[in-house]
């Protein structure tokens, strides 16, 4: 799987998945979620538990801070060392 650095910078979790040409079903299965649960994360209808945040970040090989921003959270004022993998 290509690292994100080789791709145009995604602005949403959905863009990150689509840049890699992956289905929601594939990503969800790979990290131990249902497609519906993963879809709700992409749509902003549900917030992942911490372990799911970590699983998604590891799957996409992105820093946790980048994933948090992609999911629409404001990390202003949070030191980088508190949001690194």
PDB file of N, CA and C in Angstrom:
ATOM      1  N   UNK A   1       0.843  -1.166   0.000  1.00  0.00           N
ATOM      2  CA  UNK A   1       0.000   0.000   0.000  1.00  0.00           C
ATOM      3  C   UNK A   1       0.893   1.236   0.000  1.00  0.00           C
ATOM      4  N   UNK A   2       0.596   2.224  -0.857  1.00  0.00           N
ATOM      5  CA  UNK A   2       1.357   3.463  -0.920  1.00  0.00           C
ATOM      6  C   UNK A   2       1.172   4.264   0.347  1.00  0.00           C
ATOM      7  N   UNK A   3       2.220   4.939   0.735  1.00  0.00           N
ATOM      8  CA  UNK A   3       2.102   5.854   1.871  1.00  0.00           C
ATOM      9  C   UNK A   3       1.401   7.112   1.402  1.00  0.00           C
ATOM     10  N   UNK A   4       0.733   7.786   2.314  1.00  0.00           N
ATOM     11  CA  UNK A   4      -0.023   8.992   2.001  1.00  0.00           C
ATOM     12  C   UNK A   4       0.879  10.080   1.436  1.00  0.00           C
ATOM     13  N   UNK A   5       2.146  10.137   1.845  1.00  0.00           N
ATOM     14  CA  UNK A   5       3.043  11.183   1.387  1.00  0.00           C
ATOM     15  C   UNK A   5       3.190  11.188  -0.136  1.00  0.00           C
ATOM     16  N   UNK A   6       2.955  10.070  -0.789  1.00  0.00           N
ATOM     17  CA  UNK A   6       3.084   9.965  -2.231  1.00  0.00           C
ATOM     18  C   UNK A   6       1.826  10.409  -2.959  1.00  0.00           C
ATOM     19  N   UNK A   7       0.799  10.780  -2.239  1.00  0.00           N
ATOM     20  CA  UNK A   7      -0.478  11.139  -2.825  1.00  0.00           C
ATOM     21  C   UNK A   7      -0.791  12.599  -2.571  1.00  0.00           C
ATOM     22  N   UNK A   8      -1.755  13.147  -3.342  1.00  0.00           N
ATOM     23  CA  UNK A   8      -2.271  14.479  -3.042  1.00  0.00           C
ATOM     24  C   UNK A   8      -2.837  14.445  -1.629  1.00  0.00           C
ATOM     25  N   UNK A   9      -2.624  15.492  -0.897  1.00  0.00           N
ATOM     26  CA  UNK A   9      -3.044  15.515   0.503  1.00  0.00           C
ATOM     27  C   UNK A   9      -4.567  15.431   0.622  1.00  0.00           C
ATOM     28  N   UNK A  10      -5.083  14.373   1.239  1.00  0.00           N
ATOM     29  CA  UNK A  10      -6.530  14.239   1.390  1.00  0.00           C
ATOM     30  C   UNK A  10      -7.064  15.212   2.437  1.00  0.00           C
ATOM     31  N   UNK A  11      -8.323  15.576   2.314  1.00  0.00           N
ATOM     32  CA  UNK A  11      -8.933  16.497   3.281  1.00  0.00           C
ATOM     33  C   UNK A  11     -10.007  15.824   4.119  1.00  0.00           C
ATOM     34  N   UNK A  12     -10.386  14.604   3.783  1.00  0.00           N
ATOM     35  CA  UNK A  12     -11.378  13.871   4.561  1.00  0.00           C
ATOM     36  C   UNK A  12     -10.987  12.399   4.628  1.00  0.00           C
ATOM     37  N   UNK A  13     -11.568  11.695   5.570  1.00  0.00           N
ATOM     38  CA  UNK A  13     -11.340  10.257   5.684  1.00  0.00           C
ATOM     39  C   UNK A  13     -11.771   9.545   4.402  1.00  0.00           C
ATOM     40  N   UNK A  14     -12.861   9.974   3.814  1.00  0.00           N
ATOM     41  CA  UNK A  14     -13.334   9.363   2.571  1.00  0.00           C
ATOM     42  C   UNK A  14     -12.313   9.556   1.446  1.00  0.00           C
ATOM     43  N   UNK A  15     -11.764  10.766   1.321  1.00  0.00           N
ATOM     44  CA  UNK A  15     -10.761  11.006   0.285  1.00  0.00           C
ATOM     45  C   UNK A  15      -9.539  10.126   0.486  1.00  0.00           C
ATOM     46  N   UNK A  16      -9.134   9.944   1.722  1.00  0.00           N
ATOM     47  CA  UNK A  16      -7.996   9.089   2.022  1.00  0.00           C
ATOM     48  C   UNK A  16      -8.254   7.678   1.505  1.00  0.00           C
ATOM     49  N   UNK A  17      -9.452   7.158   1.775  1.00  0.00           N
ATOM     50  CA  UNK A  17      -9.800   5.802   1.313  1.00  0.00           C
ATOM     51  C   UNK A  17      -9.879   5.745  -0.211  1.00  0.00           C
ATOM     52  N   UNK A  18     -10.518   6.737  -0.818  1.00  0.00           N
ATOM     53  CA  UNK A  18     -10.705   6.732  -2.270  1.00  0.00           C
ATOM     54  C   UNK A  18      -9.390   6.882  -3.025  1.00  0.00           C
ATOM     55  N   UNK A  19      -8.435   7.637  -2.472  1.00  0.00           N
ATOM     56  CA  UNK A  19      -7.136   7.778  -3.124  1.00  0.00           C
ATOM     57  C   UNK A  19      -6.413   6.445  -3.229  1.00  0.00           C
ATOM     58  N   UNK A  20      -6.730   5.557  -2.325  1.00  0.00           N
ATOM     59  CA  UNK A  20      -6.115   4.233  -2.335  1.00  0.00           C
ATOM     60  C   UNK A  20      -6.982   3.206  -3.081  1.00  0.00           C
ATOM     61  N   UNK A  21      -8.089   3.689  -3.653  1.00  0.00           N
ATOM     62  CA  UNK A  21      -9.016   2.824  -4.407  1.00  0.00           C
ATOM     63  C   UNK A  21      -9.504   1.638  -3.590  1.00  0.00           C
ATOM     64  N   UNK A  22      -9.894   1.923  -2.354  1.00  0.00           N
ATOM     65  CA  UNK A  22     -10.381   0.879  -1.467  1.00  0.00           C
ATOM     66  C   UNK A  22     -11.864   1.066  -1.195  1.00  0.00           C
ATOM     67  N   UNK A  23     -12.553  -0.030  -0.971  1.00  0.00           N
ATOM     68  CA  UNK A  23     -13.969   0.037  -0.609  1.00  0.00           C
ATOM     69  C   UNK A  23     -14.105   0.196   0.901  1.00  0.00           C
ATOM     70  N   UNK A  24     -15.239   0.713   1.316  1.00  0.00           N
ATOM     71  CA  UNK A  24     -15.521   0.793   2.748  1.00  0.00           C
ATOM     72  C   UNK A  24     -15.510  -0.598   3.355  1.00  0.00           C
ATOM     73  N   UNK A  25     -16.038  -1.545   2.644  1.00  0.00           N
ATOM     74  CA  UNK A  25     -16.100  -2.932   3.127  1.00  0.00           C
ATOM     75  C   UNK A  25     -14.693  -3.473   3.392  1.00  0.00           C
ATOM     76  N   UNK A  26     -13.781  -3.226   2.461  1.00  0.00           N
ATOM     77  CA  UNK A  26     -12.411  -3.724   2.611  1.00  0.00           C
ATOM     78  C   UNK A  26     -11.725  -3.095   3.828  1.00  0.00           C
ATOM     79  N   UNK A  27     -11.820  -1.772   3.936  1.00  0.00           N
ATOM     80  CA  UNK A  27     -11.183  -1.083   5.061  1.00  0.00           C
ATOM     81  C   UNK A  27     -11.781  -1.567   6.380  1.00  0.00           C
ATOM     82  N   UNK A  28     -13.100  -1.608   6.434  1.00  0.00           N
ATOM     83  CA  UNK A  28     -13.778  -2.017   7.664  1.00  0.00           C
ATOM     84  C   UNK A  28     -13.340  -3.424   8.072  1.00  0.00           C
ATOM     85  N   UNK A  29     -13.349  -4.343   7.139  1.00  0.00           N
ATOM     86  CA  UNK A  29     -12.958  -5.721   7.439  1.00  0.00           C
ATOM     87  C   UNK A  29     -11.502  -5.787   7.902  1.00  0.00           C
ATOM     88  N   UNK A  30     -10.650  -5.008   7.269  1.00  0.00           N
ATOM     89  CA  UNK A  30      -9.219  -5.022   7.597  1.00  0.00           C
ATOM     90  C   UNK A  30      -8.927  -4.544   9.014  1.00  0.00           C
ATOM     91  N   UNK A  31      -9.782  -3.671   9.543  1.00  0.00           N
ATOM     92  CA  UNK A  31      -9.537  -3.149  10.891  1.00  0.00           C
ATOM     93  C   UNK A  31     -10.530  -3.683  11.924  1.00  0.00           C
ATOM     94  N   UNK A  32     -11.349  -4.647  11.503  1.00  0.00           N
ATOM     95  CA  UNK A  32     -12.228  -5.320  12.453  1.00  0.00           C
ATOM     96  C   UNK A  32     -13.525  -4.590  12.762  1.00  0.00           C
ATOM     97  N   UNK A  33     -14.026  -3.832  11.788  1.00  0.00           N
ATOM     98  CA  UNK A  33     -15.299  -3.117  11.960  1.00  0.00           C
ATOM     99  C   UNK A  33     -16.316  -3.610  10.945  1.00  0.00           C
ATOM    100  N   UNK A  34     -17.569  -3.264  11.159  1.00  0.00           N
ATOM    101  CA  UNK A  34     -18.569  -3.498  10.130  1.00  0.00           C
ATOM    102  C   UNK A  34     -18.486  -2.353   9.128  1.00  0.00           C
ATOM    103  N   UNK A  35     -18.951  -2.588   7.912  1.00  0.00           N
ATOM    104  CA  UNK A  35     -18.956  -1.525   6.910  1.00  0.00           C
ATOM    105  C   UNK A  35     -19.800  -0.366   7.393  1.00  0.00           C
ATOM    106  N   UNK A  36     -20.921  -0.663   8.027  1.00  0.00           N
ATOM    107  CA  UNK A  36     -21.804   0.390   8.512  1.00  0.00           C
ATOM    108  C   UNK A  36     -21.110   1.275   9.548  1.00  0.00           C
ATOM    109  N   UNK A  37     -20.357   0.677  10.454  1.00  0.00           N
ATOM    110  CA  UNK A  37     -19.634   1.462  11.469  1.00  0.00           C
ATOM    111  C   UNK A  37     -18.610   2.371  10.800  1.00  0.00           C
ATOM    112  N   UNK A  38     -17.841   1.822   9.858  1.00  0.00           N
ATOM    113  CA  UNK A  38     -16.829   2.623   9.172  1.00  0.00           C
ATOM    114  C   UNK A  38     -17.485   3.741   8.359  1.00  0.00           C
ATOM    115  N   UNK A  39     -18.576   3.425   7.690  1.00  0.00           N
ATOM    116  CA  UNK A  39     -19.299   4.423   6.896  1.00  0.00           C
ATOM    117  C   UNK A  39     -19.752   5.587   7.781  1.00  0.00           C
ATOM    118  N   UNK A  40     -20.223   5.284   8.968  1.00  0.00           N
ATOM    119  CA  UNK A  40     -20.667   6.332   9.889  1.00  0.00           C
ATOM    120  C   UNK A  40     -19.493   7.224  10.317  1.00  0.00           C
ATOM    121  N   UNK A  41     -18.297   6.668  10.430  1.00  0.00           N
ATOM    122  CA  UNK A  41     -17.123   7.487  10.724  1.00  0.00           C
ATOM    123  C   UNK A  41     -16.845   8.440   9.562  1.00  0.00           C
ATOM    124  N   UNK A  42     -16.889   7.924   8.335  1.00  0.00           N
ATOM    125  CA  UNK A  42     -16.645   8.764   7.160  1.00  0.00           C
ATOM    126  C   UNK A  42     -17.666   9.891   7.057  1.00  0.00           C
ATOM    127  N   UNK A  43     -18.887   9.605   7.399  1.00  0.00           N
ATOM    128  CA  UNK A  43     -19.963  10.596   7.273  1.00  0.00           C
ATOM    129  C   UNK A  43     -20.044  11.535   8.474  1.00  0.00           C
ATOM    130  N   UNK A  44     -19.257  11.285   9.492  1.00  0.00           N
ATOM    131  CA  UNK A  44     -19.280  12.121  10.685  1.00  0.00           C
ATOM    132  C   UNK A  44     -20.495  11.880  11.566  1.00  0.00           C
ATOM    133  N   UNK A  45     -21.127  10.727  11.394  1.00  0.00           N
ATOM    134  CA  UNK A  45     -22.310  10.391  12.177  1.00  0.00           C
ATOM    135  C   UNK A  45     -21.977   9.657  13.467  1.00  0.00           C
ATOM    136  N   UNK A  46     -20.730   9.219  13.574  1.00  0.00           N
ATOM    137  CA  UNK A  46     -20.283   8.504  14.779  1.00  0.00           C
ATOM    138  C   UNK A  46     -18.823   8.848  15.023  1.00  0.00           C
ATOM    139  N   UNK A  47     -18.419   8.783  16.271  1.00  0.00           N
ATOM    140  CA  UNK A  47     -17.032   9.028  16.650  1.00  0.00           C
ATOM    141  C   UNK A  47     -16.386   7.711  17.035  1.00  0.00           C
ATOM    142  N   UNK A  48     -15.239   7.418  16.445  1.00  0.00           N
ATOM    143  CA  UNK A  48     -14.555   6.171  16.791  1.00  0.00           C
ATOM    144  C   UNK A  48     -14.045   6.188  18.222  1.00  0.00           C
ATOM    145  N   UNK A  49     -14.027   5.029  18.823  1.00  0.00           N
ATOM    146  CA  UNK A  49     -13.355   4.872  20.111  1.00  0.00           C
ATOM    147  C   UNK A  49     -11.854   4.980  19.845  1.00  0.00           C
ATOM    148  N   UNK A  50     -11.093   5.241  20.887  1.00  0.00           N
ATOM    149  CA  UNK A  50      -9.657   5.452  20.738  1.00  0.00           C
ATOM    150  C   UNK A  50      -8.978   4.304  19.991  1.00  0.00           C
ATOM    151  N   UNK A  51      -9.308   3.069  20.339  1.00  0.00           N
ATOM    152  CA  UNK A  51      -8.662   1.934  19.673  1.00  0.00           C
ATOM    153  C   UNK A  51      -8.997   1.885  18.190  1.00  0.00           C
ATOM    154  N   UNK A  52     -10.197   2.320  17.819  1.00  0.00           N
ATOM    155  CA  UNK A  52     -10.545   2.363  16.400  1.00  0.00           C
ATOM    156  C   UNK A  52      -9.802   3.485  15.687  1.00  0.00           C
ATOM    157  N   UNK A  53      -9.627   4.640  16.356  1.00  0.00           N
ATOM    158  CA  UNK A  53      -8.801   5.706  15.787  1.00  0.00           C
ATOM    159  C   UNK A  53      -7.408   5.164  15.481  1.00  0.00           C
ATOM    160  N   UNK A  54      -6.835   4.470  16.445  1.00  0.00           N
ATOM    161  CA  UNK A  54      -5.492   3.924  16.274  1.00  0.00           C
ATOM    162  C   UNK A  54      -5.439   2.901  15.149  1.00  0.00           C
ATOM    163  N   UNK A  55      -6.444   2.040  15.062  1.00  0.00           N
ATOM    164  CA  UNK A  55      -6.482   1.021  14.010  1.00  0.00           C
ATOM    165  C   UNK A  55      -6.582   1.662  12.624  1.00  0.00           C
ATOM    166  N   UNK A  56      -7.392   2.685  12.509  1.00  0.00           N
ATOM    167  CA  UNK A  56      -7.551   3.372  11.220  1.00  0.00           C
ATOM    168  C   UNK A  56      -6.243   4.074  10.839  1.00  0.00           C
ATOM    169  N   UNK A  57      -5.614   4.760  11.785  1.00  0.00           N
ATOM    170  CA  UNK A  57      -4.347   5.449  11.523  1.00  0.00           C
ATOM    171  C   UNK A  57      -3.274   4.454  11.085  1.00  0.00           C
ATOM    172  N   UNK A  58      -3.195   3.344  11.753  1.00  0.00           N
ATOM    173  CA  UNK A  58      -2.202   2.320  11.382  1.00  0.00           C
ATOM    174  C   UNK A  58      -2.505   1.740  10.005  1.00  0.00           C
ATOM    175  N   UNK A  59      -3.780   1.473   9.741  1.00  0.00           N
ATOM    176  CA  UNK A  59      -4.152   0.909   8.451  1.00  0.00           C
ATOM    177  C   UNK A  59      -3.709   1.817   7.313  1.00  0.00           C
ATOM    178  N   UNK A  60      -3.988   3.118   7.437  1.00  0.00           N
ATOM    179  CA  UNK A  60      -3.653   4.073   6.381  1.00  0.00           C
ATOM    180  C   UNK A  60      -2.213   4.572   6.474  1.00  0.00           C
ATOM    181  N   UNK A  61      -1.500   4.192   7.510  1.00  0.00           N
ATOM    182  CA  UNK A  61      -0.115   4.611   7.721  1.00  0.00           C
ATOM    183  C   UNK A  61      -0.003   6.132   7.770  1.00  0.00           C
ATOM    184  N   UNK A  62      -0.875   6.743   8.574  1.00  0.00           N
ATOM    185  CA  UNK A  62      -0.851   8.193   8.778  1.00  0.00           C
ATOM    186  C   UNK A  62      -0.693   8.477  10.264  1.00  0.00           C
ATOM    187  N   UNK A  63      -0.078   9.617  10.590  1.00  0.00           N
ATOM    188  CA  UNK A  63       0.003   9.997  12.007  1.00  0.00           C
ATOM    189  C   UNK A  63      -1.396  10.196  12.584  1.00  0.00           C
ATOM    190  N   UNK A  64      -1.540   9.886  13.839  1.00  0.00           N
ATOM    191  CA  UNK A  64      -2.836  10.018  14.505  1.00  0.00           C
ATOM    192  C   UNK A  64      -3.377  11.439  14.377  1.00  0.00           C
ATOM    193  N   UNK A  65      -2.505  12.437  14.503  1.00  0.00           N
ATOM    194  CA  UNK A  65      -2.956  13.833  14.398  1.00  0.00           C
ATOM    195  C   UNK A  65      -3.586  14.100  13.038  1.00  0.00           C
ATOM    196  N   UNK A  66      -2.984  13.602  11.965  1.00  0.00           N
ATOM    197  CA  UNK A  66      -3.543  13.805  10.630  1.00  0.00           C
ATOM    198  C   UNK A  66      -4.921  13.157  10.524  1.00  0.00           C
ATOM    199  N   UNK A  67      -5.073  11.970  11.064  1.00  0.00           N
ATOM    200  CA  UNK A  67      -6.362  11.301  11.026  1.00  0.00           C
ATOM    201  C   UNK A  67      -7.416  12.087  11.798  1.00  0.00           C
ATOM    202  N   UNK A  68      -7.050  12.585  12.960  1.00  0.00           N
ATOM    203  CA  UNK A  68      -7.985  13.363  13.775  1.00  0.00           C
ATOM    204  C   UNK A  68      -8.460  14.590  12.996  1.00  0.00           C
ATOM    205  N   UNK A  69      -7.546  15.261  12.314  1.00  0.00           N
ATOM    206  CA  UNK A  69      -7.911  16.432  11.503  1.00  0.00           C
ATOM    207  C   UNK A  69      -8.792  16.015  10.325  1.00  0.00           C
ATOM    208  N   UNK A  70      -8.449  14.914   9.664  1.00  0.00           N
ATOM    209  CA  UNK A  70      -9.250  14.426   8.533  1.00  0.00           C
ATOM    210  C   UNK A  70     -10.680  14.111   8.940  1.00  0.00           C
ATOM    211  N   UNK A  71     -10.853  13.748  10.193  1.00  0.00           N
ATOM    212  CA  UNK A  71     -12.190  13.411  10.675  1.00  0.00           C
ATOM    213  C   UNK A  71     -12.929  14.631  11.201  1.00  0.00           C
ATOM    214  N   UNK A  72     -12.318  15.808  11.008  1.00  0.00           N
ATOM    215  CA  UNK A  72     -13.021  17.045  11.291  1.00  0.00           C
ATOM    216  C   UNK A  72     -12.865  17.613  12.687  1.00  0.00           C
ATOM    217  N   UNK A  73     -11.912  17.104  13.440  1.00  0.00           N
ATOM    218  CA  UNK A  73     -11.714  17.596  14.798  1.00  0.00           C
ATOM    219  C   UNK A  73     -10.713  18.741  14.807  1.00  0.00           C
ATOM    220  N   UNK A  74     -10.944  19.711  15.666  1.00  0.00           N
ATOM    221  CA  UNK A  74     -10.050  20.851  15.825  1.00  0.00           C
ATOM    222  C   UNK A  74      -8.969  20.481  16.836  1.00  0.00           C
ATOM    223  N   UNK A  75      -7.736  20.514  16.404  1.00  0.00           N
ATOM    224  CA  UNK A  75      -6.629  20.156  17.294  1.00  0.00           C
ATOM    225  C   UNK A  75      -5.789  21.381  17.663  1.00  0.00           C
ATOM    226  N   UNK A  76      -6.329  22.552  17.396  1.00  0.00           N
ATOM    227  CA  UNK A  76      -5.637  23.788  17.741  1.00  0.00           C
ATOM    228  C   UNK A  76      -5.310  23.810  19.229  1.00  0.00           C
ATOM    229  N   UNK A  77      -4.073  24.096  19.534  1.00  0.00           N
ATOM    230  CA  UNK A  77      -3.664  24.197  20.925  1.00  0.00           C
ATOM    231  C   UNK A  77      -3.244  22.893  21.565  1.00  0.00           C
ATOM    232  N   UNK A  78      -3.393  21.779  20.871  1.00  0.00           N
ATOM    233  CA  UNK A  78      -2.958  20.490  21.416  1.00  0.00           C
ATOM    234  C   UNK A  78      -1.538  20.238  20.928  1.00  0.00           C
ATOM    235  N   UNK A  79      -0.580  20.089  21.827  1.00  0.00           N
ATOM    236  CA  UNK A  79       0.809  19.863  21.410  1.00  0.00           C
ATOM    237  C   UNK A  79       0.937  18.618  20.534  1.00  0.00           C
ATOM    238  N   UNK A  80       1.818  18.707  19.529  1.00  0.00           N
ATOM    239  CA  UNK A  80       2.025  17.582  18.615  1.00  0.00           C
ATOM    240  C   UNK A  80       2.386  16.289  19.344  1.00  0.00           C
ATOM    241  N   UNK A  81       3.167  16.391  20.405  1.00  0.00           N
ATOM    242  CA  UNK A  81       3.599  15.169  21.082  1.00  0.00           C
ATOM    243  C   UNK A  81       2.443  14.446  21.780  1.00  0.00           C
ATOM    244  N   UNK A  82       1.314  15.108  21.938  1.00  0.00           N
ATOM    245  CA  UNK A  82       0.146  14.449  22.526  1.00  0.00           C
ATOM    246  C   UNK A  82      -0.703  13.740  21.478  1.00  0.00           C
ATOM    247  N   UNK A  83      -0.399  13.978  20.207  1.00  0.00           N
ATOM    248  CA  UNK A  83      -1.188  13.368  19.132  1.00  0.00           C
ATOM    249  C   UNK A  83      -0.347  12.547  18.171  1.00  0.00           C
ATOM    250  N   UNK A  84       0.785  12.085  18.586  1.00  0.00           N
ATOM    251  CA  UNK A  84       1.627  11.274  17.706  1.00  0.00           C
ATOM    252  C   UNK A  84       1.424   9.807  18.019  1.00  0.00           C
ATOM    253  N   UNK A  85       1.733   8.992  17.031  1.00  0.00           N
ATOM    254  CA  UNK A  85       1.578   7.555  17.209  1.00  0.00           C
ATOM    255  C   UNK A  85       2.716   6.995  17.989  1.00  0.00           C
TER     256      UNK A  85
END
